[in-house]
Amino acid sequence: SGQSLAEAASEAGFADQSHMTRQFKRTYGLTPGRWRAITGDSSRTIGASAPRQ
């Protein structure tokens, strides 16, 4: 979708971007920014089971 990580974090219900980044890395083993770099597509989602904090 091209939205910033801060916007994605807010939309996903996280208190802030850093909280989302920590949880994402804990769950998937890499940061959201790194995932975007690897996939080259910021509009893809990892899965519906992604934790919401």
PDB file of N, CA and C in Angstrom:
ATOM      1  N   SER A   1       0.809  -1.199   0.000  1.00  0.00           N
ATOM      2  CA  SER A   1       0.000   0.000   0.000  1.00  0.00           C
ATOM      3  C   SER A   1       0.846   1.254   0.000  1.00  0.00           C
ATOM      4  N   GLY A   2       2.126   1.144   0.229  1.00  0.00           N
ATOM      5  CA  GLY A   2       2.999   2.294   0.231  1.00  0.00           C
ATOM      6  C   GLY A   2       2.930   3.127   1.489  1.00  0.00           C
ATOM      7  N   GLN A   3       2.182   2.687   2.481  1.00  0.00           N
ATOM      8  CA  GLN A   3       2.091   3.468   3.701  1.00  0.00           C
ATOM      9  C   GLN A   3       3.364   3.302   4.531  1.00  0.00           C
ATOM     10  N   SER A   4       3.602   4.278   5.389  1.00  0.00           N
ATOM     11  CA  SER A   4       4.782   4.215   6.251  1.00  0.00           C
ATOM     12  C   SER A   4       4.597   3.122   7.296  1.00  0.00           C
ATOM     13  N   LEU A   5       5.702   2.706   7.899  1.00  0.00           N
ATOM     14  CA  LEU A   5       5.622   1.707   8.962  1.00  0.00           C
ATOM     15  C   LEU A   5       4.829   2.244  10.149  1.00  0.00           C
ATOM     16  N   ALA A   6       4.956   3.537  10.426  1.00  0.00           N
ATOM     17  CA  ALA A   6       4.190   4.141  11.522  1.00  0.00           C
ATOM     18  C   ALA A   6       2.692   4.062  11.234  1.00  0.00           C
ATOM     19  N   GLU A   7       2.299   4.321   9.993  1.00  0.00           N
ATOM     20  CA  GLU A   7       0.885   4.221   9.617  1.00  0.00           C
ATOM     21  C   GLU A   7       0.404   2.775   9.713  1.00  0.00           C
ATOM     22  N   ALA A   8       1.231   1.847   9.245  1.00  0.00           N
ATOM     23  CA  ALA A   8       0.874   0.425   9.314  1.00  0.00           C
ATOM     24  C   ALA A   8       0.722  -0.020  10.761  1.00  0.00           C
ATOM     25  N   ALA A   9       1.620   0.434  11.621  1.00  0.00           N
ATOM     26  CA  ALA A   9       1.556   0.076  13.040  1.00  0.00           C
ATOM     27  C   ALA A   9       0.265   0.587  13.664  1.00  0.00           C
ATOM     28  N   SER A  10      -0.068   1.825  13.391  1.00  0.00           N
ATOM     29  CA  SER A  10      -1.289   2.413  13.938  1.00  0.00           C
ATOM     30  C   SER A  10      -2.519   1.674  13.431  1.00  0.00           C
ATOM     31  N   GLU A  11      -2.553   1.394  12.142  1.00  0.00           N
ATOM     32  CA  GLU A  11      -3.682   0.688  11.544  1.00  0.00           C
ATOM     33  C   GLU A  11      -3.830  -0.729  12.113  1.00  0.00           C
ATOM     34  N   ALA A  12      -2.708  -1.357  12.454  1.00  0.00           N
ATOM     35  CA  ALA A  12      -2.728  -2.721  12.998  1.00  0.00           C
ATOM     36  C   ALA A  12      -3.028  -2.742  14.494  1.00  0.00           C
ATOM     37  N   GLY A  13      -3.145  -1.561  15.103  1.00  0.00           N
ATOM     38  CA  GLY A  13      -3.521  -1.500  16.506  1.00  0.00           C
ATOM     39  C   GLY A  13      -2.364  -1.450  17.490  1.00  0.00           C
ATOM     40  N   PHE A  14      -1.155  -1.228  17.004  1.00  0.00           N
ATOM     41  CA  PHE A  14      -0.004  -1.109  17.896  1.00  0.00           C
ATOM     42  C   PHE A  14       0.065   0.305  18.452  1.00  0.00           C
ATOM     43  N   ALA A  15       0.618   0.432  19.650  1.00  0.00           N
ATOM     44  CA  ALA A  15       0.751   1.737  20.291  1.00  0.00           C
ATOM     45  C   ALA A  15       1.691   2.648  19.509  1.00  0.00           C
ATOM     46  N   ASP A  16       2.739   2.073  18.924  1.00  0.00           N
ATOM     47  CA  ASP A  16       3.692   2.852  18.135  1.00  0.00           C
ATOM     48  C   ASP A  16       4.499   1.920  17.232  1.00  0.00           C
ATOM     49  N   GLN A  17       5.269   2.530  16.339  1.00  0.00           N
ATOM     50  CA  GLN A  17       6.045   1.772  15.357  1.00  0.00           C
ATOM     51  C   GLN A  17       7.087   0.872  16.013  1.00  0.00           C
ATOM     52  N   SER A  18       7.737   1.350  17.061  1.00  0.00           N
ATOM     53  CA  SER A  18       8.790   0.545  17.683  1.00  0.00           C
ATOM     54  C   SER A  18       8.213  -0.722  18.317  1.00  0.00           C
ATOM     55  N   HIS A  19       7.020  -0.625  18.884  1.00  0.00           N
ATOM     56  CA  HIS A  19       6.376  -1.808  19.463  1.00  0.00           C
ATOM     57  C   HIS A  19       6.056  -2.824  18.369  1.00  0.00           C
ATOM     58  N   MET A  20       5.530  -2.353  17.243  1.00  0.00           N
ATOM     59  CA  MET A  20       5.238  -3.248  16.129  1.00  0.00           C
ATOM     60  C   MET A  20       6.518  -3.896  15.615  1.00  0.00           C
ATOM     61  N   THR A  21       7.576  -3.102  15.479  1.00  0.00           N
ATOM     62  CA  THR A  21       8.839  -3.627  14.964  1.00  0.00           C
ATOM     63  C   THR A  21       9.392  -4.712  15.873  1.00  0.00           C
ATOM     64  N   ARG A  22       9.365  -4.485  17.181  1.00  0.00           N
ATOM     65  CA  ARG A  22       9.856  -5.504  18.122  1.00  0.00           C
ATOM     66  C   ARG A  22       9.037  -6.786  18.026  1.00  0.00           C
ATOM     67  N   GLN A  23       7.725  -6.657  17.999  1.00  0.00           N
ATOM     68  CA  GLN A  23       6.860  -7.837  17.926  1.00  0.00           C
ATOM     69  C   GLN A  23       7.034  -8.563  16.596  1.00  0.00           C
ATOM     70  N   PHE A  24       7.128  -7.821  15.520  1.00  0.00           N
ATOM     71  CA  PHE A  24       7.306  -8.395  14.186  1.00  0.00           C
ATOM     72  C   PHE A  24       8.606  -9.182  14.132  1.00  0.00           C
ATOM     73  N   LYS A  25       9.685  -8.589  14.643  1.00  0.00           N
ATOM     74  CA  LYS A  25      10.982  -9.269  14.632  1.00  0.00           C
ATOM     75  C   LYS A  25      10.951 -10.509  15.521  1.00  0.00           C
ATOM     76  N   ARG A  26      10.314 -10.415  16.655  1.00  0.00           N
ATOM     77  CA  ARG A  26      10.197 -11.561  17.566  1.00  0.00           C
ATOM     78  C   ARG A  26       9.434 -12.699  16.882  1.00  0.00           C
ATOM     79  N   THR A  27       8.406 -12.365  16.132  1.00  0.00           N
ATOM     80  CA  THR A  27       7.555 -13.363  15.493  1.00  0.00           C
ATOM     81  C   THR A  27       8.151 -13.916  14.203  1.00  0.00           C
ATOM     82  N   TYR A  28       8.708 -13.036  13.359  1.00  0.00           N
ATOM     83  CA  TYR A  28       9.139 -13.444  12.021  1.00  0.00           C
ATOM     84  C   TYR A  28      10.651 -13.479  11.818  1.00  0.00           C
ATOM     85  N   GLY A  29      11.410 -12.987  12.787  1.00  0.00           N
ATOM     86  CA  GLY A  29      12.865 -13.068  12.700  1.00  0.00           C
ATOM     87  C   GLY A  29      13.535 -11.971  11.901  1.00  0.00           C
ATOM     88  N   LEU A  30      12.777 -10.986  11.457  1.00  0.00           N
ATOM     89  CA  LEU A  30      13.350  -9.836  10.770  1.00  0.00           C
ATOM     90  C   LEU A  30      12.426  -8.644  10.969  1.00  0.00           C
ATOM     91  N   THR A  31      12.955  -7.457  10.724  1.00  0.00           N
ATOM     92  CA  THR A  31      12.161  -6.249  10.921  1.00  0.00           C
ATOM     93  C   THR A  31      11.204  -6.041   9.745  1.00  0.00           C
ATOM     94  N   PRO A  32      10.143  -5.260   9.950  1.00  0.00           N
ATOM     95  CA  PRO A  32       9.240  -4.972   8.837  1.00  0.00           C
ATOM     96  C   PRO A  32       9.962  -4.302   7.661  1.00  0.00           C
ATOM     97  N   GLY A  33      10.890  -3.405   7.963  1.00  0.00           N
ATOM     98  CA  GLY A  33      11.648  -2.743   6.899  1.00  0.00           C
ATOM     99  C   GLY A  33      12.487  -3.720   6.102  1.00  0.00           C
ATOM    100  N   ARG A  34      13.103  -4.669   6.791  1.00  0.00           N
ATOM    101  CA  ARG A  34      13.910  -5.691   6.108  1.00  0.00           C
ATOM    102  C   ARG A  34      13.008  -6.589   5.268  1.00  0.00           C
ATOM    103  N   TRP A  35      11.848  -6.944   5.797  1.00  0.00           N
ATOM    104  CA  TRP A  35      10.897  -7.761   5.048  1.00  0.00           C
ATOM    105  C   TRP A  35      10.478  -7.049   3.764  1.00  0.00           C
ATOM    106  N   ARG A  36      10.196  -5.745   3.878  1.00  0.00           N
ATOM    107  CA  ARG A  36       9.846  -4.965   2.685  1.00  0.00           C
ATOM    108  C   ARG A  36      10.984  -4.964   1.669  1.00  0.00           C
ATOM    109  N   ALA A  37      12.223  -4.828   2.165  1.00  0.00           N
ATOM    110  CA  ALA A  37      13.382  -4.807   1.266  1.00  0.00           C
ATOM    111  C   ALA A  37      13.546  -6.146   0.551  1.00  0.00           C
ATOM    112  N   ILE A  38      13.331  -7.231   1.272  1.00  0.00           N
ATOM    113  CA  ILE A  38      13.481  -8.566   0.686  1.00  0.00           C
ATOM    114  C   ILE A  38      12.388  -8.846  -0.334  1.00  0.00           C
ATOM    115  N   THR A  39      11.150  -8.524   0.012  1.00  0.00           N
ATOM    116  CA  THR A  39      10.035  -8.836  -0.879  1.00  0.00           C
ATOM    117  C   THR A  39       9.888  -7.810  -1.996  1.00  0.00           C
ATOM    118  N   GLY A  40      10.362  -6.597  -1.748  1.00  0.00           N
ATOM    119  CA  GLY A  40      10.228  -5.549  -2.751  1.00  0.00           C
ATOM    120  C   GLY A  40       8.795  -5.096  -2.955  1.00  0.00           C
ATOM    121  N   ASP A  41       7.939  -5.444  -2.025  1.00  0.00           N
ATOM    122  CA  ASP A  41       6.522  -5.124  -2.171  1.00  0.00           C
ATOM    123  C   ASP A  41       5.937  -4.753  -0.819  1.00  0.00           C
ATOM    124  N   SER A  42       5.675  -3.488  -0.611  1.00  0.00           N
ATOM    125  CA  SER A  42       5.157  -3.041   0.679  1.00  0.00           C
ATOM    126  C   SER A  42       3.669  -3.313   0.840  1.00  0.00           C
ATOM    127  N   SER A  43       2.998  -3.777  -0.213  1.00  0.00           N
ATOM    128  CA  SER A  43       1.562  -4.010  -0.100  1.00  0.00           C
ATOM    129  C   SER A  43       1.217  -5.438   0.291  1.00  0.00           C
ATOM    130  N   ARG A  44       2.191  -6.334   0.292  1.00  0.00           N
ATOM    131  CA  ARG A  44       1.934  -7.727   0.665  1.00  0.00           C
ATOM    132  C   ARG A  44       1.798  -7.851   2.170  1.00  0.00           C
ATOM    133  N   THR A  45       1.059  -8.831   2.585  1.00  0.00           N
ATOM    134  CA  THR A  45       0.940  -9.123   4.006  1.00  0.00           C
ATOM    135  C   THR A  45       1.534 -10.489   4.274  1.00  0.00           C
ATOM    136  N   ILE A  46       2.031 -10.680   5.466  1.00  0.00           N
ATOM    137  CA  ILE A  46       2.617 -11.968   5.825  1.00  0.00           C
ATOM    138  C   ILE A  46       1.522 -12.982   6.096  1.00  0.00           C
ATOM    139  N   GLY A  47       0.478 -12.579   6.726  1.00  0.00           N
ATOM    140  CA  GLY A  47      -0.602 -13.517   6.997  1.00  0.00           C
ATOM    141  C   GLY A  47      -1.612 -12.950   7.963  1.00  0.00           C
ATOM    142  N   ALA A  48      -2.768 -13.506   7.922  1.00  0.00           N
ATOM    143  CA  ALA A  48      -3.838 -13.016   8.782  1.00  0.00           C
ATOM    144  C   ALA A  48      -3.574 -13.317  10.243  1.00  0.00           C
ATOM    145  N   SER A  49      -2.648 -14.225  10.507  1.00  0.00           N
ATOM    146  CA  SER A  49      -2.387 -14.601  11.892  1.00  0.00           C
ATOM    147  C   SER A  49      -1.356 -13.708  12.567  1.00  0.00           C
ATOM    148  N   ALA A  50      -0.940 -12.641  11.906  1.00  0.00           N
ATOM    149  CA  ALA A  50       0.033 -11.729  12.508  1.00  0.00           C
ATOM    150  C   ALA A  50      -0.540 -11.180  13.808  1.00  0.00           C
ATOM    151  N   PRO A  51       0.255 -11.179  14.862  1.00  0.00           N
ATOM    152  CA  PRO A  51      -0.248 -10.724  16.159  1.00  0.00           C
ATOM    153  C   PRO A  51      -0.566  -9.238  16.170  1.00  0.00           C
ATOM    154  N   ARG A  52      -1.618  -8.878  16.868  1.00  0.00           N
ATOM    155  CA  ARG A  52      -1.979  -7.469  17.034  1.00  0.00           C
ATOM    156  C   ARG A  52      -1.851  -7.148  18.496  1.00  0.00           C
ATOM    157  N   GLN A  53      -1.047  -6.183  18.811  1.00  0.00           N
ATOM    158  CA  GLN A  53      -0.808  -5.808  20.205  1.00  0.00           C
ATOM    159  C   GLN A  53      -1.326  -4.418  20.473  1.00  0.00           C
TER     160      GLN A  53
END
